[in-house]
Amino acid sequence: MNRDAWLLTEEMTECYCDINELLIIGVLWDNNPKDDFFTEAHGIKTPDLFWKVIIHNDGALAWMIPNSADAKKNRLDDYIVTIQALELVTGESIPVNEYLKHEKPEYSWMIPRGCNEN
């Protein structure tokens, strides 16, 4: 999972955390035994999707990214969701101003110039 679309969110996180405190992440499991490849060997189900919220200054960006080979970097913007939608699916309460919960950016943020993602 830590490649393609998710990796791009990791790179953004690394860059923006140098500027401000900002990270909330999580995973969601479903009861789909067809994709639980590690249950027998490791005793854990395979996450169906990962979610992340980056909160920075007066903005927030949220994604729900499927744990799938289809989740490519060039499709990251397809996985942008409102924080309100993410809260409904996850049951989590994201600590942002109410007005941010309803905004859905059209595009993911750019990685700041000069950022070293390592």
PDB file of N, CA and C in Angstrom:
ATOM      1  N   MET A   1       0.819  -1.199   0.000  1.00  0.00           N
ATOM      2  CA  MET A   1       0.000   0.000   0.000  1.00  0.00           C
ATOM      3  C   MET A   1       0.861   1.260   0.000  1.00  0.00           C
ATOM      4  N   ASN A   2       2.051   1.186   0.535  1.00  0.00           N
ATOM      5  CA  ASN A   2       2.864   2.392   0.666  1.00  0.00           C
ATOM      6  C   ASN A   2       3.589   2.722  -0.632  1.00  0.00           C
ATOM      7  N   ARG A   3       2.819   2.835  -1.688  1.00  0.00           N
ATOM      8  CA  ARG A   3       3.346   3.247  -2.994  1.00  0.00           C
ATOM      9  C   ARG A   3       2.218   3.937  -3.749  1.00  0.00           C
ATOM     10  N   ASP A   4       2.519   4.412  -4.890  1.00  0.00           N
ATOM     11  CA  ASP A   4       1.542   5.062  -5.765  1.00  0.00           C
ATOM     12  C   ASP A   4       0.775   6.176  -5.056  1.00  0.00           C
ATOM     13  N   ALA A   5      -0.558   6.128  -5.061  1.00  0.00           N
ATOM     14  CA  ALA A   5      -1.362   7.225  -4.517  1.00  0.00           C
ATOM     15  C   ALA A   5      -1.066   7.463  -3.033  1.00  0.00           C
ATOM     16  N   TRP A   6      -0.979   6.391  -2.247  1.00  0.00           N
ATOM     17  CA  TRP A   6      -0.711   6.561  -0.821  1.00  0.00           C
ATOM     18  C   TRP A   6       0.676   7.163  -0.599  1.00  0.00           C
ATOM     19  N   LEU A   7       1.657   6.723  -1.373  1.00  0.00           N
ATOM     20  CA  LEU A   7       3.004   7.272  -1.252  1.00  0.00           C
ATOM     21  C   LEU A   7       2.995   8.783  -1.498  1.00  0.00           C
ATOM     22  N   LEU A   8       2.212   9.228  -2.457  1.00  0.00           N
ATOM     23  CA  LEU A   8       2.128  10.667  -2.730  1.00  0.00           C
ATOM     24  C   LEU A   8       1.576  11.410  -1.515  1.00  0.00           C
ATOM     25  N   THR A   9       0.592  10.834  -0.807  1.00  0.00           N
ATOM     26  CA  THR A   9       0.096  11.484   0.415  1.00  0.00           C
ATOM     27  C   THR A   9       1.178  11.486   1.490  1.00  0.00           C
ATOM     28  N   GLU A  10       2.001  10.452   1.540  1.00  0.00           N
ATOM     29  CA  GLU A  10       3.106  10.406   2.506  1.00  0.00           C
ATOM     30  C   GLU A  10       4.119  11.510   2.208  1.00  0.00           C
ATOM     31  N   GLU A  11       4.417  11.720   0.932  1.00  0.00           N
ATOM     32  CA  GLU A  11       5.354  12.773   0.548  1.00  0.00           C
ATOM     33  C   GLU A  11       4.798  14.146   0.909  1.00  0.00           C
ATOM     34  N   MET A  12       3.493  14.365   0.646  1.00  0.00           N
ATOM     35  CA  MET A  12       2.870  15.631   1.017  1.00  0.00           C
ATOM     36  C   MET A  12       2.930  15.828   2.524  1.00  0.00           C
ATOM     37  N   THR A  13       2.615  14.780   3.256  1.00  0.00           N
ATOM     38  CA  THR A  13       2.639  14.840   4.717  1.00  0.00           C
ATOM     39  C   THR A  13       4.020  15.214   5.222  1.00  0.00           C
ATOM     40  N   GLU A  14       5.032  14.584   4.687  1.00  0.00           N
ATOM     41  CA  GLU A  14       6.408  14.861   5.104  1.00  0.00           C
ATOM     42  C   GLU A  14       6.751  16.333   4.880  1.00  0.00           C
ATOM     43  N   CYS A  15       6.361  16.869   3.758  1.00  0.00           N
ATOM     44  CA  CYS A  15       6.673  18.268   3.454  1.00  0.00           C
ATOM     45  C   CYS A  15       5.888  19.236   4.328  1.00  0.00           C
ATOM     46  N   TYR A  16       4.584  19.002   4.469  1.00  0.00           N
ATOM     47  CA  TYR A  16       3.770  19.931   5.241  1.00  0.00           C
ATOM     48  C   TYR A  16       4.009  19.819   6.740  1.00  0.00           C
ATOM     49  N   CYS A  17       4.490  18.668   7.235  1.00  0.00           N
ATOM     50  CA  CYS A  17       4.753  18.574   8.673  1.00  0.00           C
ATOM     51  C   CYS A  17       5.966  19.404   9.056  1.00  0.00           C
ATOM     52  N   ASP A  18       6.816  19.726   8.094  1.00  0.00           N
ATOM     53  CA  ASP A  18       7.926  20.633   8.370  1.00  0.00           C
ATOM     54  C   ASP A  18       7.425  22.062   8.584  1.00  0.00           C
ATOM     55  N   ILE A  19       6.215  22.354   8.106  1.00  0.00           N
ATOM     56  CA  ILE A  19       5.644  23.690   8.193  1.00  0.00           C
ATOM     57  C   ILE A  19       4.734  23.823   9.413  1.00  0.00           C
ATOM     58  N   ASN A  20       3.968  22.750   9.726  1.00  0.00           N
ATOM     59  CA  ASN A  20       2.962  22.840  10.771  1.00  0.00           C
ATOM     60  C   ASN A  20       2.571  21.430  11.228  1.00  0.00           C
ATOM     61  N   GLU A  21       1.984  21.321  12.413  1.00  0.00           N
ATOM     62  CA  GLU A  21       1.456  20.049  12.891  1.00  0.00           C
ATOM     63  C   GLU A  21       0.209  19.714  12.087  1.00  0.00           C
ATOM     64  N   LEU A  22       0.045  18.404  11.650  1.00  0.00           N
ATOM     65  CA  LEU A  22      -1.046  18.227  10.708  1.00  0.00           C
ATOM     66  C   LEU A  22      -1.600  16.847  10.438  1.00  0.00           C
ATOM     67  N   LEU A  23      -1.209  15.781  11.029  1.00  0.00           N
ATOM     68  CA  LEU A  23      -1.534  14.471  10.485  1.00  0.00           C
ATOM     69  C   LEU A  23      -2.550  13.681  11.281  1.00  0.00           C
ATOM     70  N   ILE A  24      -3.523  13.098  10.565  1.00  0.00           N
ATOM     71  CA  ILE A  24      -4.441  12.107  11.108  1.00  0.00           C
ATOM     72  C   ILE A  24      -4.567  11.023  10.045  1.00  0.00           C
ATOM     73  N   ILE A  25      -4.387   9.766  10.411  1.00  0.00           N
ATOM     74  CA  ILE A  25      -4.539   8.690   9.429  1.00  0.00           C
ATOM     75  C   ILE A  25      -5.334   7.540  10.031  1.00  0.00           C
ATOM     76  N   GLY A  26      -5.798   6.661   9.201  1.00  0.00           N
ATOM     77  CA  GLY A  26      -6.515   5.497   9.683  1.00  0.00           C
ATOM     78  C   GLY A  26      -6.741   4.492   8.577  1.00  0.00           C
ATOM     79  N   VAL A  27      -7.328   3.369   8.956  1.00  0.00           N
ATOM     80  CA  VAL A  27      -7.651   2.331   7.985  1.00  0.00           C
ATOM     81  C   VAL A  27      -9.077   1.865   8.239  1.00  0.00           C
ATOM     82  N   LEU A  28      -9.663   1.264   7.238  1.00  0.00           N
ATOM     83  CA  LEU A  28     -10.982   0.647   7.371  1.00  0.00           C
ATOM     84  C   LEU A  28     -10.912  -0.792   6.886  1.00  0.00           C
ATOM     85  N   TRP A  29     -11.487  -1.677   7.675  1.00  0.00           N
ATOM     86  CA  TRP A  29     -11.601  -3.076   7.273  1.00  0.00           C
ATOM     87  C   TRP A  29     -13.050  -3.351   6.938  1.00  0.00           C
ATOM     88  N   ASP A  30     -13.259  -4.277   6.044  1.00  0.00           N
ATOM     89  CA  ASP A  30     -14.602  -4.713   5.694  1.00  0.00           C
ATOM     90  C   ASP A  30     -14.623  -6.228   5.893  1.00  0.00           C
ATOM     91  N   ASN A  31     -15.773  -6.794   5.870  1.00  0.00           N
ATOM     92  CA  ASN A  31     -15.890  -8.244   6.018  1.00  0.00           C
ATOM     93  C   ASN A  31     -15.878  -8.913   4.656  1.00  0.00           C
ATOM     94  N   ASN A  32     -14.789  -8.733   3.932  1.00  0.00           N
ATOM     95  CA  ASN A  32     -14.636  -9.330   2.616  1.00  0.00           C
ATOM     96  C   ASN A  32     -13.506 -10.359   2.683  1.00  0.00           C
ATOM     97  N   PRO A  33     -13.824 -11.623   2.907  1.00  0.00           N
ATOM     98  CA  PRO A  33     -12.767 -12.638   3.043  1.00  0.00           C
ATOM     99  C   PRO A  33     -11.956 -12.861   1.763  1.00  0.00           C
ATOM    100  N   LYS A  34     -12.451 -12.389   0.603  1.00  0.00           N
ATOM    101  CA  LYS A  34     -11.730 -12.592  -0.655  1.00  0.00           C
ATOM    102  C   LYS A  34     -10.423 -11.822  -0.713  1.00  0.00           C
ATOM    103  N   ASP A  35     -10.320 -10.702   0.046  1.00  0.00           N
ATOM    104  CA  ASP A  35      -9.081  -9.936   0.002  1.00  0.00           C
ATOM    105  C   ASP A  35      -8.261 -10.048   1.298  1.00  0.00           C
ATOM    106  N   ASP A  36      -8.628 -10.969   2.175  1.00  0.00           N
ATOM    107  CA  ASP A  36      -7.903 -11.159   3.439  1.00  0.00           C
ATOM    108  C   ASP A  36      -6.819 -12.219   3.271  1.00  0.00           C
ATOM    109  N   PHE A  37      -5.710 -11.781   2.684  1.00  0.00           N
ATOM    110  CA  PHE A  37      -4.633 -12.688   2.334  1.00  0.00           C
ATOM    111  C   PHE A  37      -3.771 -13.106   3.524  1.00  0.00           C
ATOM    112  N   PHE A  38      -3.824 -12.357   4.623  1.00  0.00           N
ATOM    113  CA  PHE A  38      -2.905 -12.613   5.730  1.00  0.00           C
ATOM    114  C   PHE A  38      -3.602 -13.123   6.991  1.00  0.00           C
ATOM    115  N   THR A  39      -4.876 -13.439   6.899  1.00  0.00           N
ATOM    116  CA  THR A  39      -5.604 -13.886   8.078  1.00  0.00           C
ATOM    117  C   THR A  39      -5.024 -15.185   8.621  1.00  0.00           C
ATOM    118  N   GLU A  40      -4.825 -16.144   7.768  1.00  0.00           N
ATOM    119  CA  GLU A  40      -4.307 -17.437   8.222  1.00  0.00           C
ATOM    120  C   GLU A  40      -2.851 -17.325   8.686  1.00  0.00           C
ATOM    121  N   ALA A  41      -2.015 -16.637   7.921  1.00  0.00           N
ATOM    122  CA  ALA A  41      -0.588 -16.561   8.244  1.00  0.00           C
ATOM    123  C   ALA A  41      -0.284 -15.612   9.409  1.00  0.00           C
ATOM    124  N   HIS A  42      -0.992 -14.479   9.486  1.00  0.00           N
ATOM    125  CA  HIS A  42      -0.649 -13.455  10.472  1.00  0.00           C
ATOM    126  C   HIS A  42      -1.785 -13.112  11.437  1.00  0.00           C
ATOM    127  N   GLY A  43      -2.963 -13.655  11.183  1.00  0.00           N
ATOM    128  CA  GLY A  43      -4.085 -13.395  12.075  1.00  0.00           C
ATOM    129  C   GLY A  43      -4.708 -12.021  11.942  1.00  0.00           C
ATOM    130  N   ILE A  44      -4.464 -11.338  10.817  1.00  0.00           N
ATOM    131  CA  ILE A  44      -5.062 -10.014  10.597  1.00  0.00           C
ATOM    132  C   ILE A  44      -5.750  -9.964   9.245  1.00  0.00           C
ATOM    133  N   LYS A  45      -6.800  -9.187   9.195  1.00  0.00           N
ATOM    134  CA  LYS A  45      -7.493  -8.965   7.928  1.00  0.00           C
ATOM    135  C   LYS A  45      -6.732  -7.924   7.124  1.00  0.00           C
ATOM    136  N   THR A  46      -6.950  -7.917   5.835  1.00  0.00           N
ATOM    137  CA  THR A  46      -6.348  -6.922   4.948  1.00  0.00           C
ATOM    138  C   THR A  46      -7.221  -5.674   4.954  1.00  0.00           C
ATOM    139  N   PRO A  47      -6.632  -4.495   5.234  1.00  0.00           N
ATOM    140  CA  PRO A  47      -7.444  -3.271   5.175  1.00  0.00           C
ATOM    141  C   PRO A  47      -8.006  -3.067   3.778  1.00  0.00           C
ATOM    142  N   ASP A  48      -9.251  -2.612   3.714  1.00  0.00           N
ATOM    143  CA  ASP A  48      -9.893  -2.348   2.428  1.00  0.00           C
ATOM    144  C   ASP A  48      -9.573  -0.958   1.906  1.00  0.00           C
ATOM    145  N   LEU A  49      -9.374  -0.024   2.812  1.00  0.00           N
ATOM    146  CA  LEU A  49      -8.969   1.308   2.389  1.00  0.00           C
ATOM    147  C   LEU A  49      -8.245   2.002   3.523  1.00  0.00           C
ATOM    148  N   PHE A  50      -7.487   2.997   3.135  1.00  0.00           N
ATOM    149  CA  PHE A  50      -6.765   3.837   4.081  1.00  0.00           C
ATOM    150  C   PHE A  50      -7.302   5.251   3.926  1.00  0.00           C
ATOM    151  N   TRP A  51      -7.337   5.968   5.030  1.00  0.00           N
ATOM    152  CA  TRP A  51      -7.763   7.353   4.947  1.00  0.00           C
ATOM    153  C   TRP A  51      -6.732   8.246   5.607  1.00  0.00           C
ATOM    154  N   LYS A  52      -6.710   9.467   5.157  1.00  0.00           N
ATOM    155  CA  LYS A  52      -5.777  10.447   5.701  1.00  0.00           C
ATOM    156  C   LYS A  52      -6.406  11.816   5.601  1.00  0.00           C
ATOM    157  N   VAL A  53      -6.130  12.637   6.619  1.00  0.00           N
ATOM    158  CA  VAL A  53      -6.513  14.036   6.618  1.00  0.00           C
ATOM    159  C   VAL A  53      -5.264  14.845   6.915  1.00  0.00           C
ATOM    160  N   ILE A  54      -4.982  15.822   6.084  1.00  0.00           N
ATOM    161  CA  ILE A  54      -3.914  16.769   6.370  1.00  0.00           C
ATOM    162  C   ILE A  54      -4.581  18.099   6.687  1.00  0.00           C
ATOM    163  N   ILE A  55      -4.295  18.617   7.869  1.00  0.00           N
ATOM    164  CA  ILE A  55      -4.834  19.896   8.311  1.00  0.00           C
ATOM    165  C   ILE A  55      -3.665  20.868   8.349  1.00  0.00           C
ATOM    166  N   HIS A  56      -3.795  21.949   7.630  1.00  0.00           N
ATOM    167  CA  HIS A  56      -2.692  22.904   7.521  1.00  0.00           C
ATOM    168  C   HIS A  56      -3.248  24.318   7.529  1.00  0.00           C
ATOM    169  N   ASN A  57      -2.854  25.086   8.526  1.00  0.00           N
ATOM    170  CA  ASN A  57      -3.336  26.461   8.672  1.00  0.00           C
ATOM    171  C   ASN A  57      -4.858  26.504   8.594  1.00  0.00           C
ATOM    172  N   ASP A  58      -5.417  27.161   7.597  1.00  0.00           N
ATOM    173  CA  ASP A  58      -6.869  27.268   7.470  1.00  0.00           C
ATOM    174  C   ASP A  58      -7.425  26.335   6.405  1.00  0.00           C
ATOM    175  N   GLY A  59      -6.759  25.241   6.159  1.00  0.00           N
ATOM    176  CA  GLY A  59      -7.231  24.305   5.143  1.00  0.00           C
ATOM    177  C   GLY A  59      -7.127  22.870   5.613  1.00  0.00           C
ATOM    178  N   ALA A  60      -7.848  22.006   4.947  1.00  0.00           N
ATOM    179  CA  ALA A  60      -7.801  20.578   5.247  1.00  0.00           C
ATOM    180  C   ALA A  60      -8.028  19.811   3.958  1.00  0.00           C
ATOM    181  N   LEU A  61      -7.397  18.659   3.872  1.00  0.00           N
ATOM    182  CA  LEU A  61      -7.512  17.811   2.702  1.00  0.00           C
ATOM    183  C   LEU A  61      -7.674  16.380   3.187  1.00  0.00           C
ATOM    184  N   ALA A  62      -8.697  15.690   2.704  1.00  0.00           N
ATOM    185  CA  ALA A  62      -8.987  14.324   3.152  1.00  0.00           C
ATOM    186  C   ALA A  62      -9.083  13.387   1.955  1.00  0.00           C
ATOM    187  N   TRP A  63      -8.554  12.177   2.142  1.00  0.00           N
ATOM    188  CA  TRP A  63      -8.656  11.135   1.119  1.00  0.00           C
ATOM    189  C   TRP A  63      -9.141   9.840   1.765  1.00  0.00           C
ATOM    190  N   MET A  64      -9.838   9.049   0.974  1.00  0.00           N
ATOM    191  CA  MET A  64     -10.110   7.643   1.289  1.00  0.00           C
ATOM    192  C   MET A  64      -9.595   6.870   0.079  1.00  0.00           C
ATOM    193  N   ILE A  65      -8.506   6.144   0.291  1.00  0.00           N
ATOM    194  CA  ILE A  65      -7.810   5.492  -0.823  1.00  0.00           C
ATOM    195  C   ILE A  65      -7.967   3.983  -0.699  1.00  0.00           C
ATOM    196  N   PRO A  66      -8.499   3.332  -1.732  1.00  0.00           N
ATOM    197  CA  PRO A  66      -8.669   1.882  -1.659  1.00  0.00           C
ATOM    198  C   PRO A  66      -7.319   1.173  -1.639  1.00  0.00           C
ATOM    199  N   ASN A  67      -7.260   0.077  -0.927  1.00  0.00           N
ATOM    200  CA  ASN A  67      -6.068  -0.760  -0.885  1.00  0.00           C
ATOM    201  C   ASN A  67      -6.097  -1.639  -2.131  1.00  0.00           C
ATOM    202  N   SER A  68      -5.734  -1.031  -3.246  1.00  0.00           N
ATOM    203  CA  SER A  68      -5.896  -1.657  -4.553  1.00  0.00           C
ATOM    204  C   SER A  68      -4.777  -1.212  -5.484  1.00  0.00           C
ATOM    205  N   ALA A  69      -4.434  -2.062  -6.411  1.00  0.00           N
ATOM    206  CA  ALA A  69      -3.424  -1.713  -7.415  1.00  0.00           C
ATOM    207  C   ALA A  69      -3.902  -0.565  -8.305  1.00  0.00           C
ATOM    208  N   ASP A  70      -5.202  -0.280  -8.311  1.00  0.00           N
ATOM    209  CA  ASP A  70      -5.745   0.819  -9.108  1.00  0.00           C
ATOM    210  C   ASP A  70      -5.450   2.191  -8.512  1.00  0.00           C
ATOM    211  N   ALA A  71      -4.998   2.245  -7.265  1.00  0.00           N
ATOM    212  CA  ALA A  71      -4.759   3.520  -6.578  1.00  0.00           C
ATOM    213  C   ALA A  71      -3.392   4.077  -6.974  1.00  0.00           C
ATOM    214  N   LYS A  72      -3.311   4.606  -8.170  1.00  0.00           N
ATOM    215  CA  LYS A  72      -2.068   5.154  -8.725  1.00  0.00           C
ATOM    216  C   LYS A  72      -1.921   6.631  -8.368  1.00  0.00           C
ATOM    217  N   LYS A  73      -0.690   7.129  -8.419  1.00  0.00           N
ATOM    218  CA  LYS A  73      -0.423   8.539  -8.108  1.00  0.00           C
ATOM    219  C   LYS A  73      -1.267   9.475  -8.957  1.00  0.00           C
ATOM    220  N   ASN A  74      -1.415   9.147 -10.228  1.00  0.00           N
ATOM    221  CA  ASN A  74      -2.157  10.044 -11.114  1.00  0.00           C
ATOM    222  C   ASN A  74      -3.662  10.011 -10.850  1.00  0.00           C
ATOM    223  N   ARG A  75      -4.105   9.163  -9.940  1.00  0.00           N
ATOM    224  CA  ARG A  75      -5.522   9.092  -9.591  1.00  0.00           C
ATOM    225  C   ARG A  75      -5.803   9.621  -8.188  1.00  0.00           C
ATOM    226  N   LEU A  76      -4.791  10.184  -7.518  1.00  0.00           N
ATOM    227  CA  LEU A  76      -4.956  10.616  -6.135  1.00  0.00           C
ATOM    228  C   LEU A  76      -6.162  11.536  -5.957  1.00  0.00           C
ATOM    229  N   ASP A  77      -6.365  12.466  -6.873  1.00  0.00           N
ATOM    230  CA  ASP A  77      -7.479  13.404  -6.736  1.00  0.00           C
ATOM    231  C   ASP A  77      -8.841  12.711  -6.812  1.00  0.00           C
ATOM    232  N   ASP A  78      -8.893  11.521  -7.401  1.00  0.00           N
ATOM    233  CA  ASP A  78     -10.145  10.756  -7.446  1.00  0.00           C
ATOM    234  C   ASP A  78     -10.595  10.336  -6.050  1.00  0.00           C
ATOM    235  N   TYR A  79      -9.682  10.317  -5.093  1.00  0.00           N
ATOM    236  CA  TYR A  79      -9.971   9.809  -3.755  1.00  0.00           C
ATOM    237  C   TYR A  79     -10.190  10.915  -2.727  1.00  0.00           C
ATOM    238  N   ILE A  80     -10.198  12.177  -3.172  1.00  0.00           N
ATOM    239  CA  ILE A  80     -10.484  13.281  -2.258  1.00  0.00           C
ATOM    240  C   ILE A  80     -11.945  13.194  -1.824  1.00  0.00           C
ATOM    241  N   VAL A  81     -12.175  13.369  -0.526  1.00  0.00           N
ATOM    242  CA  VAL A  81     -13.529  13.362   0.032  1.00  0.00           C
ATOM    243  C   VAL A  81     -13.666  14.539   0.985  1.00  0.00           C
ATOM    244  N   THR A  82     -14.889  14.873   1.327  1.00  0.00           N
ATOM    245  CA  THR A  82     -15.084  15.866   2.378  1.00  0.00           C
ATOM    246  C   THR A  82     -14.782  15.204   3.717  1.00  0.00           C
ATOM    247  N   ILE A  83     -14.407  16.015   4.666  1.00  0.00           N
ATOM    248  CA  ILE A  83     -14.181  15.477   6.012  1.00  0.00           C
ATOM    249  C   ILE A  83     -15.492  14.957   6.587  1.00  0.00           C
ATOM    250  N   GLN A  84     -16.583  15.610   6.252  1.00  0.00           N
ATOM    251  CA  GLN A  84     -17.890  15.134   6.708  1.00  0.00           C
ATOM    252  C   GLN A  84     -18.153  13.708   6.209  1.00  0.00           C
ATOM    253  N   ALA A  85     -17.877  13.444   4.945  1.00  0.00           N
ATOM    254  CA  ALA A  85     -18.079  12.093   4.391  1.00  0.00           C
ATOM    255  C   ALA A  85     -17.163  11.094   5.081  1.00  0.00           C
ATOM    256  N   LEU A  86     -15.932  11.487   5.322  1.00  0.00           N
ATOM    257  CA  LEU A  86     -14.985  10.606   5.990  1.00  0.00           C
ATOM    258  C   LEU A  86     -15.459  10.293   7.410  1.00  0.00           C
ATOM    259  N   GLU A  87     -15.947  11.302   8.117  1.00  0.00           N
ATOM    260  CA  GLU A  87     -16.447  11.082   9.477  1.00  0.00           C
ATOM    261  C   GLU A  87     -17.636  10.124   9.481  1.00  0.00           C
ATOM    262  N   LEU A  88     -18.516  10.241   8.485  1.00  0.00           N
ATOM    263  CA  LEU A  88     -19.675   9.353   8.412  1.00  0.00           C
ATOM    264  C   LEU A  88     -19.260   7.902   8.210  1.00  0.00           C
ATOM    265  N   VAL A  89     -18.247   7.684   7.382  1.00  0.00           N
ATOM    266  CA  VAL A  89     -17.794   6.320   7.089  1.00  0.00           C
ATOM    267  C   VAL A  89     -16.984   5.730   8.242  1.00  0.00           C
ATOM    268  N   THR A  90     -16.121   6.544   8.845  1.00  0.00           N
ATOM    269  CA  THR A  90     -15.200   6.033   9.866  1.00  0.00           C
ATOM    270  C   THR A  90     -15.737   6.091  11.285  1.00  0.00           C
ATOM    271  N   GLY A  91     -16.698   6.991  11.530  1.00  0.00           N
ATOM    272  CA  GLY A  91     -17.163   7.190  12.897  1.00  0.00           C
ATOM    273  C   GLY A  91     -16.225   8.052  13.724  1.00  0.00           C
ATOM    274  N   GLU A  92     -15.168   8.553  13.105  1.00  0.00           N
ATOM    275  CA  GLU A  92     -14.201   9.411  13.787  1.00  0.00           C
ATOM    276  C   GLU A  92     -14.681  10.858  13.767  1.00  0.00           C
ATOM    277  N   SER A  93     -14.201  11.634  14.712  1.00  0.00           N
ATOM    278  CA  SER A  93     -14.462  13.064  14.735  1.00  0.00           C
ATOM    279  C   SER A  93     -13.153  13.779  14.445  1.00  0.00           C
ATOM    280  N   ILE A  94     -13.092  14.466  13.322  1.00  0.00           N
ATOM    281  CA  ILE A  94     -11.869  15.145  12.898  1.00  0.00           C
ATOM    282  C   ILE A  94     -11.889  16.557  13.490  1.00  0.00           C
ATOM    283  N   PRO A  95     -10.825  16.942  14.209  1.00  0.00           N
ATOM    284  CA  PRO A  95     -10.814  18.225  14.906  1.00  0.00           C
ATOM    285  C   PRO A  95     -10.490  19.416  13.997  1.00  0.00           C
ATOM    286  N   VAL A  96     -11.461  19.805  13.166  1.00  0.00           N
ATOM    287  CA  VAL A  96     -11.305  20.974  12.303  1.00  0.00           C
ATOM    288  C   VAL A  96     -12.538  21.850  12.459  1.00  0.00           C
ATOM    289  N   ASN A  97     -12.419  23.105  12.049  1.00  0.00           N
ATOM    290  CA  ASN A  97     -13.573  23.997  12.048  1.00  0.00           C
ATOM    291  C   ASN A  97     -14.694  23.405  11.200  1.00  0.00           C
ATOM    292  N   GLU A  98     -15.912  23.627  11.619  1.00  0.00           N
ATOM    293  CA  GLU A  98     -17.083  23.033  10.959  1.00  0.00           C
ATOM    294  C   GLU A  98     -17.130  23.342   9.466  1.00  0.00           C
ATOM    295  N   TYR A  99     -16.786  24.571   9.077  1.00  0.00           N
ATOM    296  CA  TYR A  99     -16.869  24.924   7.663  1.00  0.00           C
ATOM    297  C   TYR A  99     -15.911  24.091   6.811  1.00  0.00           C
ATOM    298  N   LEU A 100     -14.790  23.649   7.382  1.00  0.00           N
ATOM    299  CA  LEU A 100     -13.841  22.822   6.621  1.00  0.00           C
ATOM    300  C   LEU A 100     -14.379  21.424   6.356  1.00  0.00           C
ATOM    301  N   LYS A 101     -15.306  20.971   7.176  1.00  0.00           N
ATOM    302  CA  LYS A 101     -15.836  19.611   7.033  1.00  0.00           C
ATOM    303  C   LYS A 101     -16.662  19.436   5.761  1.00  0.00           C
ATOM    304  N   HIS A 102     -17.095  20.549   5.184  1.00  0.00           N
ATOM    305  CA  HIS A 102     -17.970  20.479   4.008  1.00  0.00           C
ATOM    306  C   HIS A 102     -17.242  20.830   2.712  1.00  0.00           C
ATOM    307  N   GLU A 103     -16.002  21.286   2.837  1.00  0.00           N
ATOM    308  CA  GLU A 103     -15.232  21.654   1.644  1.00  0.00           C
ATOM    309  C   GLU A 103     -14.572  20.422   1.041  1.00  0.00           C
ATOM    310  N   LYS A 104     -14.587  20.365  -0.286  1.00  0.00           N
ATOM    311  CA  LYS A 104     -13.908  19.285  -0.997  1.00  0.00           C
ATOM    312  C   LYS A 104     -13.013  19.914  -2.058  1.00  0.00           C
ATOM    313  N   PRO A 105     -11.722  20.006  -1.753  1.00  0.00           N
ATOM    314  CA  PRO A 105     -10.815  20.581  -2.755  1.00  0.00           C
ATOM    315  C   PRO A 105     -10.880  19.796  -4.058  1.00  0.00           C
ATOM    316  N   GLU A 106     -10.714  20.488  -5.142  1.00  0.00           N
ATOM    317  CA  GLU A 106     -10.747  19.833  -6.455  1.00  0.00           C
ATOM    318  C   GLU A 106      -9.469  19.029  -6.699  1.00  0.00           C
ATOM    319  N   TYR A 107      -8.364  19.546  -6.151  1.00  0.00           N
ATOM    320  CA  TYR A 107      -7.068  18.909  -6.370  1.00  0.00           C
ATOM    321  C   TYR A 107      -6.332  18.740  -5.047  1.00  0.00           C
ATOM    322  N   SER A 108      -5.457  17.746  -5.000  1.00  0.00           N
ATOM    323  CA  SER A 108      -4.552  17.584  -3.866  1.00  0.00           C
ATOM    324  C   SER A 108      -3.562  18.737  -3.876  1.00  0.00           C
ATOM    325  N   TRP A 109      -3.010  19.045  -2.714  1.00  0.00           N
ATOM    326  CA  TRP A 109      -2.058  20.136  -2.623  1.00  0.00           C
ATOM    327  C   TRP A 109      -0.766  19.778  -3.332  1.00  0.00           C
ATOM    328  N   MET A 110      -0.097  20.790  -3.800  1.00  0.00           N
ATOM    329  CA  MET A 110       1.220  20.607  -4.414  1.00  0.00           C
ATOM    330  C   MET A 110       2.246  20.388  -3.312  1.00  0.00           C
ATOM    331  N   ILE A 111       3.258  19.610  -3.611  1.00  0.00           N
ATOM    332  CA  ILE A 111       4.369  19.461  -2.678  1.00  0.00           C
ATOM    333  C   ILE A 111       5.144  20.777  -2.718  1.00  0.00           C
ATOM    334  N   PRO A 112       5.389  21.390  -1.535  1.00  0.00           N
ATOM    335  CA  PRO A 112       6.074  22.692  -1.536  1.00  0.00           C
ATOM    336  C   PRO A 112       7.442  22.630  -2.218  1.00  0.00           C
ATOM    337  N   ARG A 113       7.770  23.671  -2.936  1.00  0.00           N
ATOM    338  CA  ARG A 113       9.067  23.764  -3.627  1.00  0.00           C
ATOM    339  C   ARG A 113      10.187  23.647  -2.612  1.00  0.00           C
ATOM    340  N   GLY A 114      11.189  22.875  -2.965  1.00  0.00           N
ATOM    341  CA  GLY A 114      12.357  22.717  -2.106  1.00  0.00           C
ATOM    342  C   GLY A 114      12.198  21.700  -1.018  1.00  0.00           C
ATOM    343  N   CYS A 115      11.061  21.031  -0.972  1.00  0.00           N
ATOM    344  CA  CYS A 115      10.839  20.043   0.064  1.00  0.00           C
ATOM    345  C   CYS A 115      11.623  18.774  -0.219  1.00  0.00           C
ATOM    346  N   ASN A 116      12.247  18.261   0.810  1.00  0.00           N
ATOM    347  CA  ASN A 116      12.914  16.965   0.728  1.00  0.00           C
ATOM    348  C   ASN A 116      11.985  15.966   1.391  1.00  0.00           C
ATOM    349  N   GLU A 117      11.358  15.097   0.609  1.00  0.00           N
ATOM    350  CA  GLU A 117      10.354  14.181   1.135  1.00  0.00           C
ATOM    351  C   GLU A 117      10.927  13.085   2.006  1.00  0.00           C
ATOM    352  N   ASN A 118      12.215  13.014   2.183  1.00  0.00           N
ATOM    353  CA  ASN A 118      12.811  11.948   2.991  1.00  0.00           C
ATOM    354  C   ASN A 118      12.874  12.316   4.446  1.00  0.00           C
TER     355      ASN A 118
END
